[in-house]
Protein backbone atom coordinates (compact mmCIF):
# COMPACT_ATOMS: atom_id res chain seq x y z
CA MET A 1 11.85 -20.35 -142.17
CA PHE A 2 9.18 -19.32 -139.68
CA LYS A 3 11.12 -21.13 -136.97
CA ILE A 4 14.33 -19.21 -137.77
CA ILE A 5 12.49 -15.87 -137.67
CA LYS A 6 10.90 -16.78 -134.34
CA ILE A 7 14.26 -17.80 -132.82
CA SER A 8 15.93 -14.66 -134.19
CA THR A 9 13.17 -12.46 -132.80
CA LEU A 10 13.34 -14.11 -129.39
CA SER A 11 17.14 -13.81 -129.40
CA LEU A 12 16.95 -10.11 -130.25
CA MET A 13 14.36 -9.54 -127.50
CA ALA A 14 16.53 -11.38 -124.99
CA LEU A 15 19.56 -9.36 -126.05
CA PHE A 16 17.56 -6.13 -125.75
CA LEU A 17 16.29 -7.05 -122.25
CA PHE A 18 19.77 -8.07 -121.16
CA SER A 19 21.20 -4.76 -122.39
CA ALA A 20 18.46 -2.79 -120.66
CA CYS A 21 19.05 -4.63 -117.39
CA ASN A 22 22.80 -4.05 -117.57
CA PHE A 23 22.30 -0.38 -118.37
CA GLY A 24 20.10 0.04 -115.31
CA ASN A 25 22.55 -1.85 -113.13
CA SER A 26 25.52 0.20 -114.25
CA LYS A 27 23.63 3.39 -113.53
CA SER A 28 22.63 2.05 -110.13
CA SER A 29 26.20 0.94 -109.55
CA GLU A 30 27.44 4.43 -110.41
CA GLU A 31 24.90 5.97 -108.03
CA ASN A 32 25.97 3.55 -105.29
CA LYS A 33 29.62 4.47 -105.83
CA GLU A 34 28.74 8.16 -105.55
CA LYS A 35 26.81 7.54 -102.32
CA GLU A 36 29.66 5.46 -100.91
CA GLU A 37 32.09 8.25 -101.72
CA ILE A 38 29.93 10.81 -99.92
CA VAL A 39 29.67 8.56 -96.83
CA LYS A 40 33.44 8.06 -96.92
CA GLN A 41 34.02 11.83 -97.07
CA VAL A 42 31.68 12.45 -94.12
CA LYS A 43 33.46 9.78 -92.08
CA GLU A 44 36.84 11.29 -92.91
CA GLU A 45 35.61 14.76 -91.95
CA ASN A 46 34.28 13.42 -88.65
CA THR A 47 37.60 11.68 -88.02
CA ASP A 48 39.67 14.72 -88.91
CA SER A 49 37.59 17.24 -87.00
CA LYS A 50 35.95 16.15 -83.78
CA ARG A 51 32.35 16.96 -83.08
CA LYS A 52 31.41 19.20 -80.16
CA ALA A 53 29.40 17.32 -77.53
CA PRO A 54 25.91 18.67 -76.88
CA GLN A 55 25.33 20.29 -73.50
CA PHE A 56 23.17 18.40 -71.03
CA GLU A 57 22.27 18.31 -67.37
CA VAL A 58 20.84 15.28 -65.56
CA THR A 59 20.08 14.30 -61.98
CA THR A 60 21.21 10.93 -60.66
CA ILE A 61 19.01 8.63 -58.62
CA ASP A 62 20.92 9.96 -55.57
CA GLY A 63 19.97 13.57 -56.40
CA GLN A 64 23.40 14.62 -57.72
CA LYS A 65 23.33 17.09 -60.64
CA ILE A 66 25.72 16.19 -63.47
CA SER A 67 26.27 18.40 -66.48
CA LEU A 68 28.76 18.65 -69.30
CA GLU A 69 29.13 22.36 -68.52
CA GLN A 70 30.24 21.61 -64.93
CA SER A 71 32.61 18.87 -66.10
CA LEU A 72 34.24 21.25 -68.57
CA SER A 73 34.53 24.04 -65.97
CA ASP A 74 36.31 21.49 -63.72
CA ASN A 75 38.63 20.68 -66.67
CA LYS A 76 37.60 17.03 -66.49
CA PRO A 77 36.74 14.73 -69.37
CA MET A 78 33.43 12.91 -69.21
CA MET A 79 32.26 9.46 -70.11
CA ILE A 80 28.59 8.66 -70.67
CA TYR A 81 27.25 5.14 -70.77
CA PHE A 82 23.81 4.84 -72.36
CA THR A 83 22.03 1.92 -70.74
CA ALA A 84 18.64 0.39 -69.93
CA SER A 85 17.55 -1.74 -67.00
CA TRP A 86 16.47 -4.60 -69.27
CA CYS A 87 19.47 -4.58 -71.63
CA PRO A 88 21.44 -7.87 -71.68
CA MET A 89 24.56 -6.27 -73.22
CA CYS A 90 24.46 -3.53 -70.59
CA ALA A 91 24.23 -6.15 -67.85
CA LYS A 92 27.49 -7.61 -69.16
CA ASN A 93 29.16 -4.14 -69.03
CA TRP A 94 28.01 -3.12 -65.54
CA PRO A 95 30.53 -5.32 -63.67
CA ALA A 96 33.42 -4.01 -65.79
CA ILE A 97 32.32 -0.41 -65.26
CA SER A 98 31.87 -1.05 -61.52
CA GLU A 99 35.40 -2.43 -61.34
CA VAL A 100 37.06 0.44 -63.23
CA TYR A 101 34.98 3.46 -62.17
CA PRO A 102 36.49 3.82 -58.64
CA GLU A 103 39.99 4.06 -60.15
CA TYR A 104 39.03 7.08 -62.29
CA LYS A 105 36.14 8.78 -60.49
CA ASP A 106 38.34 11.63 -59.22
CA ARG A 107 39.80 12.38 -62.67
CA ILE A 108 36.89 11.71 -65.06
CA ASN A 109 33.20 12.43 -64.64
CA PHE A 110 31.19 9.32 -65.43
CA VAL A 111 27.44 8.85 -65.69
CA ALA A 112 25.19 6.02 -66.86
CA ILE A 113 22.00 7.37 -68.41
CA SER A 114 19.04 5.13 -69.13
CA ILE A 115 17.50 5.52 -72.57
CA ASP A 116 14.20 4.00 -71.46
CA PRO A 117 11.62 6.47 -70.12
CA THR A 118 10.06 3.67 -68.03
CA ASP A 119 13.32 3.31 -66.08
CA ASP A 120 12.12 5.56 -63.27
CA LYS A 121 13.84 6.19 -59.93
CA ASP A 122 12.43 3.03 -58.32
CA VAL A 123 13.55 0.82 -61.23
CA MET A 124 17.06 2.28 -61.34
CA THR A 125 17.48 2.27 -57.55
CA LYS A 126 16.45 -1.39 -57.41
CA LEU A 127 18.84 -2.16 -60.29
CA ALA A 128 21.73 -0.41 -58.50
CA GLU A 129 21.04 -2.35 -55.31
CA GLU A 130 20.62 -5.75 -57.00
CA LYS A 131 23.66 -5.41 -59.27
CA ASN A 132 25.83 -3.56 -56.71
CA LEU A 133 26.34 -0.57 -59.03
CA ASP A 134 28.21 2.28 -57.38
CA PHE A 135 28.57 4.62 -60.35
CA PRO A 136 26.15 7.52 -61.00
CA LEU A 137 22.88 6.32 -62.56
CA VAL A 138 20.21 8.47 -64.19
CA THR A 139 16.59 7.53 -64.81
CA GLY A 140 15.18 7.21 -68.32
CA THR A 141 16.26 10.32 -70.23
CA PRO A 142 16.11 9.45 -73.94
CA GLN A 143 16.53 13.07 -75.06
CA VAL A 144 20.22 13.05 -74.08
CA MET A 145 20.73 9.95 -76.23
CA ILE A 146 18.95 11.63 -79.14
CA ASN A 147 21.02 14.81 -78.74
CA PHE A 148 24.21 12.75 -78.94
CA GLY A 149 23.01 10.91 -82.04
CA VAL A 150 23.15 7.58 -80.24
CA ASP A 151 20.68 4.99 -81.49
CA SER A 152 20.91 2.22 -78.90
CA GLN A 153 21.77 1.22 -75.39
CA ALA A 154 25.18 -0.31 -74.47
CA THR A 155 26.87 2.70 -76.04
CA THR A 156 29.81 4.46 -74.42
CA VAL A 157 30.69 8.04 -75.37
CA GLY A 158 33.90 9.77 -74.30
CA ILE A 159 34.14 13.57 -74.19
CA SER A 160 37.44 15.44 -73.84
CA ASP A 161 37.98 18.13 -71.23
CA GLU A 162 37.54 20.59 -74.10
CA GLY A 163 34.04 19.30 -74.90
CA TYR A 164 34.74 17.23 -78.02
CA ILE A 165 33.53 13.68 -78.58
CA GLU A 166 36.66 11.55 -78.58
CA PHE A 167 34.99 8.21 -79.19
CA GLN A 168 31.66 6.45 -79.39
CA LYS A 169 31.50 2.69 -78.88
CA ASP A 170 28.09 1.51 -80.09
CA LYS A 171 26.36 -1.65 -78.90
CA THR A 172 29.47 -3.21 -77.44
CA VAL A 173 30.37 -5.39 -74.52
CA LEU A 174 33.72 -4.31 -73.13
CA SER A 175 36.05 -5.86 -70.59
CA ALA A 176 37.39 -3.99 -67.56
CA GLU A 177 40.71 -3.61 -69.39
CA GLU A 178 38.98 -2.12 -72.43
CA TYR A 179 37.19 0.38 -70.16
CA ARG A 180 40.54 1.26 -68.55
CA ASP A 181 41.90 1.93 -72.04
CA LEU A 182 38.96 4.23 -72.79
CA PHE A 183 39.38 6.12 -69.51
CA GLU A 184 43.12 6.47 -70.21
CA GLN A 185 42.38 7.69 -73.73
CA LEU A 186 40.33 10.53 -72.26
CA LEU A 187 43.11 11.45 -69.85
CA ASN A 188 45.86 11.54 -72.48
């Protein structure tokens, strides 16, 4: 008899614990569904209505001033490539950008901005010479990256001639053809 009571008690305790665990999980599951729904709504809103690009002004290693304000007053779209001298993904993108940039430089303003504050003028000038980079390069200016909400290098941001962010390609290696497609997207 004692054995039956002990087994019954243990069974009831196990059932109680199981029920409590499931109750907590269903509540957590409901909370997760609510959070997922909110994220989905934000993404849809961002897709439906484009975000205005933040204003910025930078100076290239060659001393050229580049700003979103000037690009917009020239009625030109702009593409920004966030990079770093030590970034292996960026190193894979530089040849593709170098190939495509000359085809579009008169119709789209392009600038590569380092996110690393230690990428000073000497570092970026040496990089441009060693890698044969002929597009505009800017020394480490992480504030521009922060203002755009970008969280890593190897990120390409396209801005329409009206000042809206058209696309943001995060942490990606792109081919020359894929860069052509992005440049064309900004022109159309």
